[in-house]
Amino acid sequence: MGPALRLTLSRVGVRSEAAGGSAIPPSRDGFTSRAATRGNSRRSEPARVEATGKVALRLPGGMPQGLPGANFGLSSAAGCRYKRGMKNRASTSLLLALALPAAPVLGAAAGPLALHPDNPHYFLFRGQPAVLVTSGEHYGAVLNRDFDYVKYVDALAKDGLNLTRTFVGSYVEPSGAFNIAQNTLAPATGRFICPWARSDTPGYANGGNKFDLTKWDDAYFARLKDFVKQAGKRGVVVEVNLFCPFYEETQWKLSPQNAANNVNGIGTVARTNVYTLDRHGGLLAVHEALARKLVTELNAFDNVYYEICNEPYFGGVTLEWQHHIADVIAAKEKSLANQHLISRNVANGSAKIDHPHPAISIFNFHYAYPPDAVGMNFALNKVIGDNETGFRGTNDLPYRAEAWHFMLAGGGLYNNLDYSFTVGHEDGTFVYPAKQPGGGNPAFRRQIGVLKRFIESFDFLRMQPLPNAPTPAPGFNTRVLVEPGRACAVYVSRSLDDKKPPAAPADQTVVVALDLPAGTYQVEWLNPVTGVKTKRPKIKHGGGYLRLDSPSFRDDVALKAVRTGK
């Protein structure tokens, strides 16, 4: 048996250590229950064995705060030992001593999507705790007249996915942008629709008349509201993204805000000055009016939240302008029946959020692997999301692992950018070329549905991520989400620090050893690709270490352990 990684979690401390398999003997049935025989098992040191190589891990001094009845501290340095040269087998031992905190009383009135009052790292939607997990199209479902959005939301609902992003039309892309084949955000000539009405003056850069920025297009708002309605019927939340920077001149040349495309004589500014408070050339009033119009038209819907601006860290967008738009939205909604959540897209990867705006409840990141953004900002007690993926090839594994690691790190929202949705393939069956800057396909959406159902199978409001969970051996990453004293979720995957990881053998296994209080436990392993569960008989555990052997897997595996009785 290979090296076993040990990790002990309790209200008072955490240990992690790689030890030889002799510390936890193998079992006939895939698990071994062993009561403590060396004093208090939560404090006694596991046996050490000789090993080559040593990795020192130091766990932080405290868990992020913010969950009622589930705050606990971490302490001490931890040693991690492993044997090098393992080829076909990795053995992990995670020893969790889980205390039983007082259970918070849950419940809140129904209304629009909200942060859950009992755990604001997650959502409350239609009276139920919720995570938002999806693999959605490239944001053109409304502004592209040729896109059949009913067929699209049917495809999301088929796999149990519950989120989509859409751009409102202040930004649109030319065909071929970013090497995207069949880009839904790049309508064909004459097929672009946006909030502003067309004028009687010809000359829009992509066909048709120019726009009048003082008038609204009723047909657009009818389409937008029907899209949100159809999504809502299927339990799908819509992120309404108001603005996006102009990365290149080609995008700015297509925007209705460009003076060349409107009859109002405004927008004679550089593309990097559009989203500022002092160099906008008259466009700020247009932005304010658009924000007020959108939140008014969509106020009756419960399945909406607003993202101020996609990737505002490009193209000259200022934080002051973003906060101003947040103020505009919040002020307008105060006069309306419903108040909706507001999102800010913070960074690619990760960043520490300082001085968050009080009206912003969701902080989204792009390409958030590893999920450092969650831990860095967990103490904000807001939802942390990963709402765009890409640039890691077209295979499923990088994006599946990104999703699992992000959500088990404590994230509340995940959106894979799915290029299999196109005009004519709104069911997500388009086979894109190898050069496409991301992935997505029907099989992948089923995999993401497996993740969503896995999280929903827990009482996840009472769970917290374990930061810096040690890895079983070089080349593996581990993520752990726990409800002290009752449940834990463990995910182990091959390391994806390399954007194109090498092929893995098909016969890897891991061993997870949980240091648990006495009780009856239900344990099952999950294949994140197929959703197949390997369920063990209920275990009557006398306390101490509980060894759990995984089935064979290629790239990743998940474990669920729940205490069901005394």
Protein backbone atom coordinates (compact mmCIF):
# COMPACT_ATOMS: atom_id res chain seq x y z
CA MET A 1 0.00 0.00 0.00
CA GLY A 2 1.27 3.49 -0.86
CA PRO A 3 1.67 6.46 1.47
CA ALA A 4 -1.40 7.62 3.35
CA LEU A 5 -2.04 11.32 3.79
CA ARG A 6 -3.62 12.10 7.16
CA LEU A 7 -5.59 15.11 8.12
CA THR A 8 -7.39 15.62 11.42
CA LEU A 9 -9.99 18.33 11.74
CA SER A 10 -11.69 19.36 14.94
CA ARG A 11 -12.86 22.45 16.72
CA VAL A 12 -9.42 22.84 18.24
CA GLY A 13 -6.95 21.86 15.57
CA VAL A 14 -5.90 20.28 12.31
CA ARG A 15 -3.10 17.86 11.52
CA SER A 16 -1.96 16.42 8.25
CA GLU A 17 0.63 13.76 7.73
CA ALA A 18 1.61 11.18 5.17
CA ALA A 19 2.25 7.86 6.80
CA GLY A 20 2.76 4.31 5.68
CA GLY A 21 -0.20 2.08 5.06
CA SER A 22 0.64 0.00 8.11
CA ALA A 23 -1.03 2.61 10.31
CA ILE A 24 -4.41 1.72 8.81
CA PRO A 25 -4.74 -1.94 7.89
CA PRO A 26 -6.53 -2.94 4.70
CA SER A 27 -10.06 -4.30 4.80
CA ARG A 28 -12.02 -6.90 2.94
CA ASP A 29 -15.06 -4.70 2.28
CA GLY A 30 -13.43 -1.42 1.28
CA PHE A 31 -13.57 0.09 4.75
CA THR A 32 -12.15 -0.54 8.19
CA SER A 33 -13.54 0.77 11.47
CA ARG A 34 -11.05 0.98 14.30
CA ALA A 35 -11.67 2.49 17.70
CA ALA A 36 -8.83 4.45 19.23
CA THR A 37 -6.34 2.22 21.06
CA ARG A 38 -3.64 4.77 21.82
CA GLY A 39 -5.56 7.14 24.07
CA ASN A 40 -7.60 9.96 22.56
CA SER A 41 -7.45 9.30 18.81
CA ARG A 42 -8.03 12.94 17.98
CA ARG A 43 -4.86 13.96 19.76
CA SER A 44 -2.54 11.00 19.41
CA GLU A 45 0.11 11.20 16.71
CA PRO A 46 -0.22 8.76 13.81
CA ALA A 47 2.69 6.38 13.34
CA ARG A 48 5.45 7.57 11.02
CA VAL A 49 7.34 5.45 8.54
CA GLU A 50 10.45 5.96 6.48
CA ALA A 51 9.84 7.93 3.29
CA THR A 52 11.86 9.78 0.72
CA GLY A 53 10.99 13.40 0.22
CA LYS A 54 9.21 15.70 2.63
CA VAL A 55 6.74 18.54 2.15
CA ALA A 56 6.03 20.91 5.01
CA LEU A 57 2.53 22.36 5.23
CA ARG A 58 1.51 25.09 7.63
CA LEU A 59 -2.21 25.54 8.09
CA PRO A 60 -3.60 29.03 8.80
CA GLY A 61 -4.47 30.21 12.25
CA GLY A 62 -8.22 30.32 11.78
CA MET A 63 -11.05 29.29 9.52
CA PRO A 64 -12.81 32.13 7.69
CA GLN A 65 -15.59 33.40 9.89
CA GLY A 66 -19.20 33.93 9.05
CA LEU A 67 -21.15 30.69 9.49
CA PRO A 68 -23.46 30.47 12.50
CA GLY A 69 -22.60 27.59 14.77
CA ALA A 70 -19.71 26.35 12.66
CA ASN A 71 -16.69 28.53 13.38
CA PHE A 72 -13.57 26.74 14.53
CA GLY A 73 -9.85 27.34 14.61
CA LEU A 74 -6.92 25.65 12.95
CA SER A 75 -3.52 25.33 14.51
CA SER A 76 -0.01 23.93 14.26
CA ALA A 77 2.43 23.06 11.56
CA ALA A 78 1.81 19.82 9.70
CA GLY A 79 4.26 17.43 8.16
CA CYS A 80 3.47 15.66 4.93
CA ARG A 81 5.58 12.69 3.85
CA TYR A 82 5.28 10.68 0.70
CA LYS A 83 7.12 8.01 -1.21
CA ARG A 84 8.30 8.92 -4.65
CA GLY A 85 8.05 6.68 -7.65
CA MET A 86 4.37 5.73 -7.36
CA LYS A 87 3.05 4.89 -10.79
CA ASN A 88 -0.35 3.30 -10.55
CA ARG A 89 -1.69 3.88 -7.08
CA ALA A 90 -2.19 6.90 -4.83
CA SER A 91 -3.45 6.35 -1.28
CA THR A 92 -4.95 9.24 0.62
CA SER A 93 -5.88 9.24 4.28
CA LEU A 94 -7.94 12.20 5.45
CA LEU A 95 -8.57 11.99 9.19
CA LEU A 96 -11.43 14.26 10.19
CA ALA A 97 -12.49 14.66 13.83
CA LEU A 98 -15.81 16.40 13.42
CA ALA A 99 -17.44 18.17 16.36
CA LEU A 100 -21.19 18.72 16.55
CA PRO A 101 -22.06 22.44 16.62
CA ALA A 102 -25.50 23.67 17.47
CA ALA A 103 -27.65 23.59 14.35
CA PRO A 104 -28.84 27.01 13.15
CA VAL A 105 -32.52 27.50 12.42
CA LEU A 106 -32.96 27.82 8.66
CA GLY A 107 -35.69 29.42 6.67
CA ALA A 108 -36.63 32.64 4.89
CA ALA A 109 -39.46 34.07 2.86
CA ALA A 110 -39.57 33.57 -0.91
CA GLY A 111 -38.65 36.45 -3.22
CA PRO A 112 -36.07 37.19 -5.90
CA LEU A 113 -32.75 35.35 -5.84
CA ALA A 114 -30.96 36.40 -2.65
CA LEU A 115 -28.02 35.56 -0.47
CA HIS A 116 -29.10 32.93 2.00
CA PRO A 117 -29.55 34.59 5.42
CA ASP A 118 -28.11 31.56 7.23
CA ASN A 119 -25.04 31.26 5.03
CA PRO A 120 -24.47 34.13 2.59
CA HIS A 121 -21.82 32.18 0.67
CA TYR A 122 -24.80 30.50 -1.01
CA PHE A 123 -28.13 31.56 -2.48
CA LEU A 124 -31.77 31.44 -1.48
CA PHE A 125 -33.94 30.81 -4.56
CA ARG A 126 -37.66 30.13 -4.48
CA GLY A 127 -37.52 29.29 -0.80
CA GLN A 128 -34.69 26.77 -1.09
CA PRO A 129 -30.91 26.91 -0.52
CA ALA A 130 -29.18 27.00 -3.89
CA VAL A 131 -25.90 26.88 -5.71
CA LEU A 132 -25.75 28.09 -9.32
CA VAL A 133 -23.93 25.68 -11.62
CA THR A 134 -24.00 25.66 -15.41
CA SER A 135 -22.28 25.35 -18.76
CA GLY A 136 -23.80 28.11 -20.86
CA GLU A 137 -23.57 29.82 -24.23
CA HIS A 138 -21.41 32.83 -25.08
CA TYR A 139 -23.86 35.50 -23.92
CA GLY A 140 -25.69 36.27 -27.18
CA ALA A 141 -29.02 34.53 -26.54
CA VAL A 142 -31.00 37.80 -26.60
CA LEU A 143 -29.02 40.21 -28.79
CA ASN A 144 -28.67 37.65 -31.61
CA ARG A 145 -32.07 37.49 -33.34
CA ASP A 146 -31.23 34.14 -34.93
CA PHE A 147 -30.65 32.33 -31.62
CA ASP A 148 -33.49 30.08 -30.42
CA TYR A 149 -33.29 30.68 -26.69
CA VAL A 150 -36.19 28.38 -25.81
CA LYS A 151 -34.34 25.42 -27.25
CA TYR A 152 -31.27 26.60 -25.37
CA VAL A 153 -32.81 26.81 -21.89
CA ASP A 154 -34.46 23.44 -22.53
CA ALA A 155 -30.96 22.00 -23.01
CA LEU A 156 -29.76 23.51 -19.72
CA ALA A 157 -32.78 22.25 -17.82
CA LYS A 158 -32.36 18.75 -19.27
CA ASP A 159 -29.13 18.36 -17.29
CA GLY A 160 -30.40 20.15 -14.21
CA LEU A 161 -28.29 23.29 -14.79
CA ASN A 162 -29.63 26.54 -13.41
CA LEU A 163 -27.68 29.58 -14.65
CA THR A 164 -26.93 31.48 -17.84
CA ARG A 165 -25.22 34.78 -18.60
CA THR A 166 -26.48 37.21 -21.22
CA PHE A 167 -25.10 40.50 -22.55
CA VAL A 168 -27.72 43.18 -23.10
CA GLY A 169 -26.31 44.69 -26.31
CA SER A 170 -24.13 47.60 -25.21
CA TYR A 171 -21.29 45.42 -26.51
CA VAL A 172 -21.25 43.07 -29.50
CA GLU A 173 -18.49 41.20 -31.30
CA PRO A 174 -17.49 40.84 -34.94
CA SER A 175 -17.36 37.44 -36.57
CA GLY A 176 -14.04 35.72 -35.87
CA ALA A 177 -13.33 37.57 -32.61
CA PHE A 178 -11.00 35.62 -30.30
CA ASN A 179 -10.93 32.75 -32.84
CA ILE A 180 -14.41 31.66 -31.77
CA ALA A 181 -16.18 29.59 -34.40
CA GLN A 182 -19.92 30.30 -34.70
CA ASN A 183 -19.87 32.93 -31.96
CA THR A 184 -23.37 33.66 -30.61
CA LEU A 185 -22.14 37.10 -29.53
CA ALA A 186 -21.42 37.96 -33.19
CA PRO A 187 -24.79 38.19 -34.98
CA ALA A 188 -24.99 38.01 -38.75
CA THR A 189 -25.37 41.25 -40.71
CA GLY A 190 -28.67 42.91 -39.85
CA ARG A 191 -29.50 40.43 -37.05
CA PHE A 192 -28.32 42.45 -34.04
CA ILE A 193 -30.94 43.76 -31.60
CA CYS A 194 -30.25 45.90 -28.54
CA PRO A 195 -32.06 48.14 -26.03
CA TRP A 196 -31.84 51.25 -28.23
CA ALA A 197 -34.22 51.79 -31.12
CA ARG A 198 -33.07 52.15 -34.68
CA SER A 199 -33.36 55.58 -36.26
CA ASP A 200 -34.37 56.49 -39.80
CA THR A 201 -30.74 57.13 -40.71
CA PRO A 202 -28.84 54.33 -42.44
CA GLY A 203 -25.23 53.57 -41.64
CA TYR A 204 -24.82 51.10 -38.73
CA ALA A 205 -21.53 49.27 -39.14
CA ASN A 206 -23.09 45.78 -39.22
CA GLY A 207 -26.14 46.55 -41.34
CA GLY A 208 -29.31 48.56 -40.92
CA ASN A 209 -29.96 52.01 -39.57
CA LYS A 210 -28.07 53.82 -36.86
CA PHE A 211 -29.34 53.87 -33.27
CA ASP A 212 -31.09 56.59 -31.28
CA LEU A 213 -29.73 56.45 -27.74
CA THR A 214 -32.74 58.41 -26.41
CA LYS A 215 -35.32 55.83 -27.53
CA TRP A 216 -35.95 52.23 -26.53
CA ASP A 217 -36.65 49.27 -28.79
CA ASP A 218 -39.87 47.65 -27.58
CA ALA A 219 -39.15 44.49 -29.57
CA TYR A 220 -35.85 44.09 -27.75
CA PHE A 221 -37.39 44.33 -24.30
CA ALA A 222 -40.15 41.92 -25.29
CA ARG A 223 -37.45 39.44 -26.37
CA LEU A 224 -35.40 40.00 -23.21
CA LYS A 225 -38.37 39.50 -20.92
CA ASP A 226 -39.52 36.41 -22.74
CA PHE A 227 -36.01 34.96 -22.46
CA VAL A 228 -35.98 35.56 -18.70
CA LYS A 229 -39.53 34.17 -18.44
CA GLN A 230 -38.64 31.00 -20.35
CA ALA A 231 -35.51 30.55 -18.24
CA GLY A 232 -37.51 31.05 -15.05
CA LYS A 233 -40.06 28.41 -16.03
CA ARG A 234 -37.17 25.95 -16.12
CA GLY A 235 -35.58 27.09 -12.88
CA VAL A 236 -32.71 28.87 -14.64
CA VAL A 237 -31.29 32.10 -13.21
CA VAL A 238 -30.19 34.78 -15.68
CA GLU A 239 -27.13 36.91 -15.06
CA VAL A 240 -27.92 40.13 -16.92
CA ASN A 241 -24.59 41.70 -17.84
CA LEU A 242 -25.00 45.40 -18.53
CA PHE A 243 -21.64 46.42 -19.96
CA CYS A 244 -18.35 45.10 -21.28
CA PRO A 245 -15.10 46.88 -22.16
CA PHE A 246 -14.03 47.19 -25.76
CA TYR A 247 -10.91 45.06 -25.97
CA GLU A 248 -10.07 46.15 -29.49
CA GLU A 249 -11.17 48.76 -32.01
CA THR A 250 -13.15 46.11 -33.90
CA GLN A 251 -15.62 45.83 -31.01
CA TRP A 252 -15.86 49.58 -30.46
CA LYS A 253 -16.65 50.07 -34.16
CA LEU A 254 -19.79 47.92 -33.71
CA SER A 255 -21.10 49.50 -30.51
CA PRO A 256 -24.23 51.69 -30.63
CA GLN A 257 -22.39 53.93 -28.16
CA ASN A 258 -19.83 54.85 -30.82
CA ALA A 259 -20.78 58.18 -32.38
CA ALA A 260 -20.41 56.60 -35.82
CA ASN A 261 -23.34 54.28 -35.00
CA ASN A 262 -25.84 56.66 -33.36
CA VAL A 263 -27.66 59.84 -34.37
CA ASN A 264 -27.15 61.63 -31.07
CA GLY A 265 -23.68 63.02 -31.64
CA ILE A 266 -22.24 61.42 -28.54
CA GLY A 267 -19.58 58.78 -28.11
CA THR A 268 -16.74 60.61 -29.84
CA VAL A 269 -14.27 59.23 -27.32
CA ALA A 270 -11.55 56.63 -27.18
CA ARG A 271 -12.85 53.17 -26.35
CA THR A 272 -10.79 53.24 -23.14
CA ASN A 273 -12.69 56.30 -21.88
CA VAL A 274 -16.24 55.02 -22.32
CA TYR A 275 -16.68 53.61 -18.79
CA THR A 276 -15.29 56.47 -16.74
CA LEU A 277 -16.86 59.27 -14.71
CA ASP A 278 -14.88 62.10 -16.25
CA ARG A 279 -13.87 61.20 -19.83
CA HIS A 280 -16.99 59.54 -21.22
CA GLY A 281 -17.97 62.18 -23.77
CA GLY A 282 -21.62 62.30 -22.67
CA LEU A 283 -22.12 58.52 -22.40
CA LEU A 284 -22.52 58.38 -18.62
CA ALA A 285 -26.13 59.57 -18.86
CA VAL A 286 -26.75 56.81 -21.43
CA HIS A 287 -25.32 54.22 -19.02
CA GLU A 288 -27.47 55.47 -16.16
CA ALA A 289 -30.62 55.49 -18.27
CA LEU A 290 -29.94 51.97 -19.54
CA ALA A 291 -29.38 50.62 -16.02
CA ARG A 292 -32.65 52.16 -14.79
CA LYS A 293 -34.59 50.88 -17.80
CA LEU A 294 -33.30 47.32 -17.47
CA VAL A 295 -34.01 46.97 -13.76
CA THR A 296 -37.46 48.47 -14.24
CA GLU A 297 -38.39 46.12 -17.08
CA LEU A 298 -37.10 43.04 -15.24
CA ASN A 299 -38.20 43.93 -11.74
CA ALA A 300 -41.02 41.39 -11.56
CA PHE A 301 -38.74 38.42 -12.27
CA ASP A 302 -37.28 36.41 -9.40
CA ASN A 303 -34.59 34.65 -11.49
CA VAL A 304 -32.33 37.62 -12.29
CA TYR A 305 -29.23 39.26 -10.93
CA TYR A 306 -27.23 42.08 -12.50
CA GLU A 307 -23.55 42.09 -13.30
CA ILE A 308 -22.29 45.61 -13.77
CA CYS A 309 -19.55 44.93 -16.29
CA ASN A 310 -17.82 41.91 -17.76
CA GLU A 311 -14.03 41.95 -17.29
CA PRO A 312 -13.77 45.61 -16.25
CA TYR A 313 -10.06 45.13 -15.60
CA PHE A 314 -9.55 45.60 -19.34
CA GLY A 315 -10.27 48.57 -21.55
CA GLY A 316 -10.01 51.46 -19.10
CA VAL A 317 -13.09 50.71 -16.96
CA THR A 318 -12.72 52.43 -13.59
CA LEU A 319 -13.82 51.06 -10.24
CA GLU A 320 -15.43 54.41 -9.45
CA TRP A 321 -17.64 54.07 -12.53
CA GLN A 322 -18.62 50.52 -11.51
CA HIS A 323 -19.58 51.66 -8.03
CA HIS A 324 -21.59 54.51 -9.54
CA ILE A 325 -23.59 52.10 -11.68
CA ALA A 326 -24.18 49.93 -8.59
CA ASP A 327 -25.55 53.00 -6.83
CA VAL A 328 -27.83 53.75 -9.81
CA ILE A 329 -29.24 50.21 -9.79
CA ALA A 330 -29.74 50.14 -6.03
CA ALA A 331 -31.36 53.59 -5.95
CA LYS A 332 -33.79 52.74 -8.74
CA GLU A 333 -34.80 49.43 -7.18
CA LYS A 334 -35.61 51.14 -3.90
CA SER A 335 -38.63 52.62 -5.68
CA LEU A 336 -39.65 49.27 -7.14
CA ALA A 337 -41.34 46.20 -5.67
CA ASN A 338 -38.29 43.93 -5.75
CA GLN A 339 -34.59 44.29 -5.08
CA HIS A 340 -32.14 42.05 -6.93
CA LEU A 341 -28.56 41.04 -6.32
CA ILE A 342 -25.73 42.96 -7.98
CA SER A 343 -22.49 41.32 -9.11
CA ARG A 344 -19.04 42.68 -9.75
CA ASN A 345 -16.55 40.84 -11.95
CA VAL A 346 -13.30 41.28 -10.03
CA ALA A 347 -10.39 39.68 -11.87
CA ASN A 348 -9.06 36.82 -13.93
CA GLY A 349 -7.73 34.18 -11.55
CA SER A 350 -7.81 35.72 -8.10
CA ALA A 351 -7.52 39.00 -6.23
CA LYS A 352 -8.17 40.29 -2.73
CA ILE A 353 -11.24 42.51 -2.57
CA ASP A 354 -10.69 45.59 -0.43
CA HIS A 355 -13.45 48.02 0.53
CA PRO A 356 -16.33 46.17 -1.15
CA HIS A 357 -19.31 48.23 -2.23
CA PRO A 358 -22.25 47.59 0.14
CA ALA A 359 -24.73 47.09 -2.74
CA ILE A 360 -22.66 44.30 -4.32
CA SER A 361 -23.46 40.77 -3.14
CA ILE A 362 -21.72 38.53 -5.69
CA PHE A 363 -18.03 38.73 -6.58
CA ASN A 364 -17.25 36.85 -9.77
CA PHE A 365 -13.90 35.76 -11.13
CA HIS A 366 -12.86 34.28 -14.47
CA TYR A 367 -10.55 31.30 -15.04
CA ALA A 368 -10.44 30.76 -11.28
CA TYR A 369 -8.22 27.69 -11.05
CA PRO A 370 -6.82 27.10 -8.54
CA PRO A 371 -9.71 28.58 -6.53
CA ASP A 372 -7.59 30.94 -4.45
CA ALA A 373 -10.17 33.71 -4.94
CA VAL A 374 -12.60 31.92 -2.62
CA GLY A 375 -10.32 31.68 0.38
CA MET A 376 -8.94 35.17 -0.13
CA ASN A 377 -12.44 36.67 0.07
CA PHE A 378 -14.42 34.15 2.13
CA ALA A 379 -14.58 36.50 5.13
CA LEU A 380 -16.66 38.96 3.09
CA ASN A 381 -19.64 36.64 3.63
CA LYS A 382 -20.79 37.05 0.03
CA VAL A 383 -21.11 34.63 -2.85
CA ILE A 384 -17.82 34.08 -4.66
CA GLY A 385 -18.30 32.88 -8.24
CA ASP A 386 -16.33 31.60 -11.21
CA ASN A 387 -18.49 32.73 -14.11
CA GLU A 388 -16.25 32.21 -17.11
CA THR A 389 -13.78 29.48 -18.07
CA GLY A 390 -11.56 28.87 -21.05
CA PHE A 391 -8.09 28.85 -22.56
CA ARG A 392 -7.24 25.41 -21.17
CA GLY A 393 -7.92 23.45 -24.33
CA THR A 394 -11.16 21.80 -25.38
CA ASN A 395 -11.12 18.63 -23.24
CA ASP A 396 -13.52 18.13 -20.34
CA LEU A 397 -11.10 17.43 -17.48
CA PRO A 398 -9.64 20.93 -16.92
CA TYR A 399 -13.08 22.53 -16.71
CA ARG A 400 -14.64 19.71 -14.69
CA ALA A 401 -11.82 19.86 -12.15
CA GLU A 402 -12.02 23.66 -12.07
CA ALA A 403 -15.71 23.36 -11.22
CA TRP A 404 -15.26 20.75 -8.46
CA HIS A 405 -12.30 22.49 -6.86
CA PHE A 406 -14.01 25.87 -6.95
CA MET A 407 -17.30 24.70 -5.47
CA LEU A 408 -15.71 22.53 -2.78
CA ALA A 409 -13.47 25.46 -1.88
CA GLY A 410 -16.65 27.26 -0.82
CA GLY A 411 -17.70 28.90 -4.07
CA GLY A 412 -21.40 29.42 -4.72
CA LEU A 413 -21.52 29.88 -8.50
CA TYR A 414 -19.86 28.25 -11.49
CA ASN A 415 -20.39 28.91 -15.20
CA ASN A 416 -18.44 27.07 -17.85
CA LEU A 417 -18.30 28.95 -21.15
CA ASP A 418 -19.78 26.38 -23.52
CA TYR A 419 -18.99 26.78 -27.21
CA SER A 420 -21.24 23.93 -28.33
CA PHE A 421 -24.24 26.30 -28.26
CA THR A 422 -24.54 28.16 -31.56
CA VAL A 423 -27.20 29.41 -33.94
CA GLY A 424 -28.66 26.24 -35.41
CA HIS A 425 -27.25 24.16 -32.54
CA GLU A 426 -29.06 25.70 -29.59
CA ASP A 427 -29.26 22.22 -28.10
CA GLY A 428 -25.49 22.37 -27.58
CA THR A 429 -24.39 19.88 -30.21
CA PHE A 430 -22.06 22.04 -32.33
CA VAL A 431 -18.71 20.34 -32.86
CA TYR A 432 -16.20 23.17 -32.71
CA PRO A 433 -12.67 23.11 -34.13
CA ALA A 434 -9.64 22.23 -32.02
CA LYS A 435 -8.54 25.89 -31.92
CA GLN A 436 -11.70 26.96 -30.05
CA PRO A 437 -10.66 28.87 -26.88
CA GLY A 438 -12.64 26.64 -24.54
CA GLY A 439 -14.81 23.57 -24.23
CA GLY A 440 -18.33 22.36 -23.56
CA ASN A 441 -20.49 19.60 -25.01
CA PRO A 442 -23.48 17.43 -24.01
CA ALA A 443 -21.33 14.96 -22.04
CA PHE A 444 -19.64 17.78 -20.14
CA ARG A 445 -22.97 19.29 -19.16
CA ARG A 446 -24.02 15.97 -17.70
CA GLN A 447 -20.76 15.94 -15.70
CA ILE A 448 -21.47 19.41 -14.33
CA GLY A 449 -24.96 18.23 -13.43
CA VAL A 450 -23.32 15.45 -11.38
CA LEU A 451 -21.41 18.09 -9.41
CA LYS A 452 -24.51 20.17 -8.76
CA ARG A 453 -26.49 17.18 -7.50
CA PHE A 454 -23.56 16.10 -5.33
CA ILE A 455 -23.48 19.46 -3.54
CA GLU A 456 -27.27 19.52 -3.22
CA SER A 457 -27.19 16.08 -1.59
CA PHE A 458 -25.59 17.73 1.48
CA ASP A 459 -26.99 20.24 3.93
CA PHE A 460 -24.43 22.56 2.38
CA LEU A 461 -25.52 25.67 4.28
CA ARG A 462 -23.87 24.12 7.34
CA MET A 463 -20.65 23.26 5.55
CA GLN A 464 -17.32 25.06 5.41
CA PRO A 465 -14.28 24.55 3.22
CA LEU A 466 -11.09 23.22 4.72
CA PRO A 467 -8.32 25.51 3.47
CA ASN A 468 -5.00 24.09 2.32
CA ALA A 469 -6.12 20.47 2.31
CA PRO A 470 -2.92 18.44 1.80
CA THR A 471 -2.48 16.29 -1.27
CA PRO A 472 -2.11 12.49 -1.21
CA ALA A 473 1.02 12.47 -3.36
CA PRO A 474 2.79 14.61 -5.96
CA GLY A 475 0.55 15.21 -8.93
CA PHE A 476 -2.74 15.28 -6.99
CA ASN A 477 -4.93 18.04 -5.58
CA THR A 478 -7.51 17.62 -2.81
CA ARG A 479 -10.50 19.70 -1.77
CA VAL A 480 -12.57 19.12 1.38
CA LEU A 481 -15.91 20.60 2.46
CA VAL A 482 -17.16 19.67 5.95
CA GLU A 483 -20.11 19.90 8.27
CA PRO A 484 -18.44 19.32 11.65
CA GLY A 485 -19.66 16.19 13.33
CA ARG A 486 -21.96 15.06 10.57
CA ALA A 487 -20.71 15.11 6.96
CA CYS A 488 -17.78 15.64 4.68
CA ALA A 489 -17.26 15.94 0.93
CA VAL A 490 -13.86 15.10 -0.51
CA TYR A 491 -12.66 15.60 -4.09
CA VAL A 492 -9.32 14.31 -5.37
CA SER A 493 -8.03 15.02 -8.87
CA ARG A 494 -4.86 14.90 -10.82
CA SER A 495 -3.06 18.21 -10.59
CA LEU A 496 -4.01 20.58 -13.40
CA ASP A 497 -1.39 23.22 -12.79
CA ASP A 498 -0.19 22.36 -16.26
CA LYS A 499 -2.79 23.52 -18.79
CA LYS A 500 -2.34 20.26 -20.68
CA PRO A 501 -1.68 17.57 -18.07
CA PRO A 502 -0.27 14.25 -19.26
CA ALA A 503 -2.44 11.20 -19.64
CA ALA A 504 -3.13 9.27 -16.43
CA PRO A 505 -3.27 5.52 -15.82
CA ALA A 506 -6.71 3.99 -15.52
CA ASP A 507 -6.16 2.10 -12.28
CA GLN A 508 -5.45 4.76 -9.68
CA THR A 509 -7.06 4.48 -6.26
CA VAL A 510 -7.07 6.56 -3.11
CA VAL A 511 -7.64 5.72 0.53
CA VAL A 512 -9.45 8.23 2.70
CA ALA A 513 -9.32 7.65 6.46
CA LEU A 514 -11.69 9.71 8.56
CA ASP A 515 -11.22 10.14 12.30
CA LEU A 516 -14.88 10.24 13.28
CA PRO A 517 -16.96 10.16 16.45
CA ALA A 518 -19.01 7.05 17.12
CA GLY A 519 -22.14 6.67 15.06
CA THR A 520 -23.75 5.16 12.00
CA TYR A 521 -22.40 6.42 8.70
CA GLN A 522 -23.50 6.23 5.07
CA VAL A 523 -20.54 6.36 2.71
CA GLU A 524 -20.44 6.47 -1.07
CA TRP A 525 -17.86 7.12 -3.76
CA LEU A 526 -18.81 9.05 -6.86
CA ASN A 527 -17.43 9.00 -10.39
CA PRO A 528 -17.53 12.69 -11.45
CA VAL A 529 -17.64 11.72 -15.13
CA THR A 530 -20.45 9.18 -15.16
CA GLY A 531 -22.24 9.98 -11.92
CA VAL A 532 -22.03 6.31 -10.95
CA LYS A 533 -22.07 5.83 -7.17
CA THR A 534 -20.29 3.08 -5.29
CA LYS A 535 -22.33 2.85 -2.15
CA ARG A 536 -21.13 0.99 0.93
CA PRO A 537 -23.45 -0.64 3.47
CA LYS A 538 -24.16 1.55 6.47
CA ILE A 539 -21.27 1.45 8.89
CA LYS A 540 -21.72 1.21 12.65
CA HIS A 541 -18.55 2.99 13.71
CA GLY A 542 -17.21 2.89 17.25
CA GLY A 543 -15.10 6.02 16.91
CA GLY A 544 -11.56 6.59 15.68
CA TYR A 545 -10.21 5.98 12.21
CA LEU A 546 -12.52 4.83 9.44
CA ARG A 547 -10.68 3.64 6.34
CA LEU A 548 -12.41 4.06 2.97
CA ASP A 549 -10.92 2.63 -0.22
CA SER A 550 -11.92 4.23 -3.50
CA PRO A 551 -12.88 2.41 -6.66
CA SER A 552 -10.40 2.58 -9.53
CA PHE A 553 -10.48 5.91 -11.37
CA ARG A 554 -8.58 7.70 -14.11
CA ASP A 555 -8.55 11.43 -13.34
CA ASP A 556 -10.72 12.29 -10.35
CA VAL A 557 -13.00 10.86 -7.70
CA ALA A 558 -15.35 12.19 -5.01
CA LEU A 559 -16.41 10.88 -1.61
CA LYS A 560 -19.50 11.54 0.48
CA ALA A 561 -19.65 10.50 4.13
CA VAL A 562 -22.68 11.38 6.27
CA ARG A 563 -23.50 10.47 9.85
CA THR A 564 -27.05 9.11 9.86
CA GLY A 565 -27.48 8.00 13.48
CA LYS A 566 -25.91 7.01 16.77
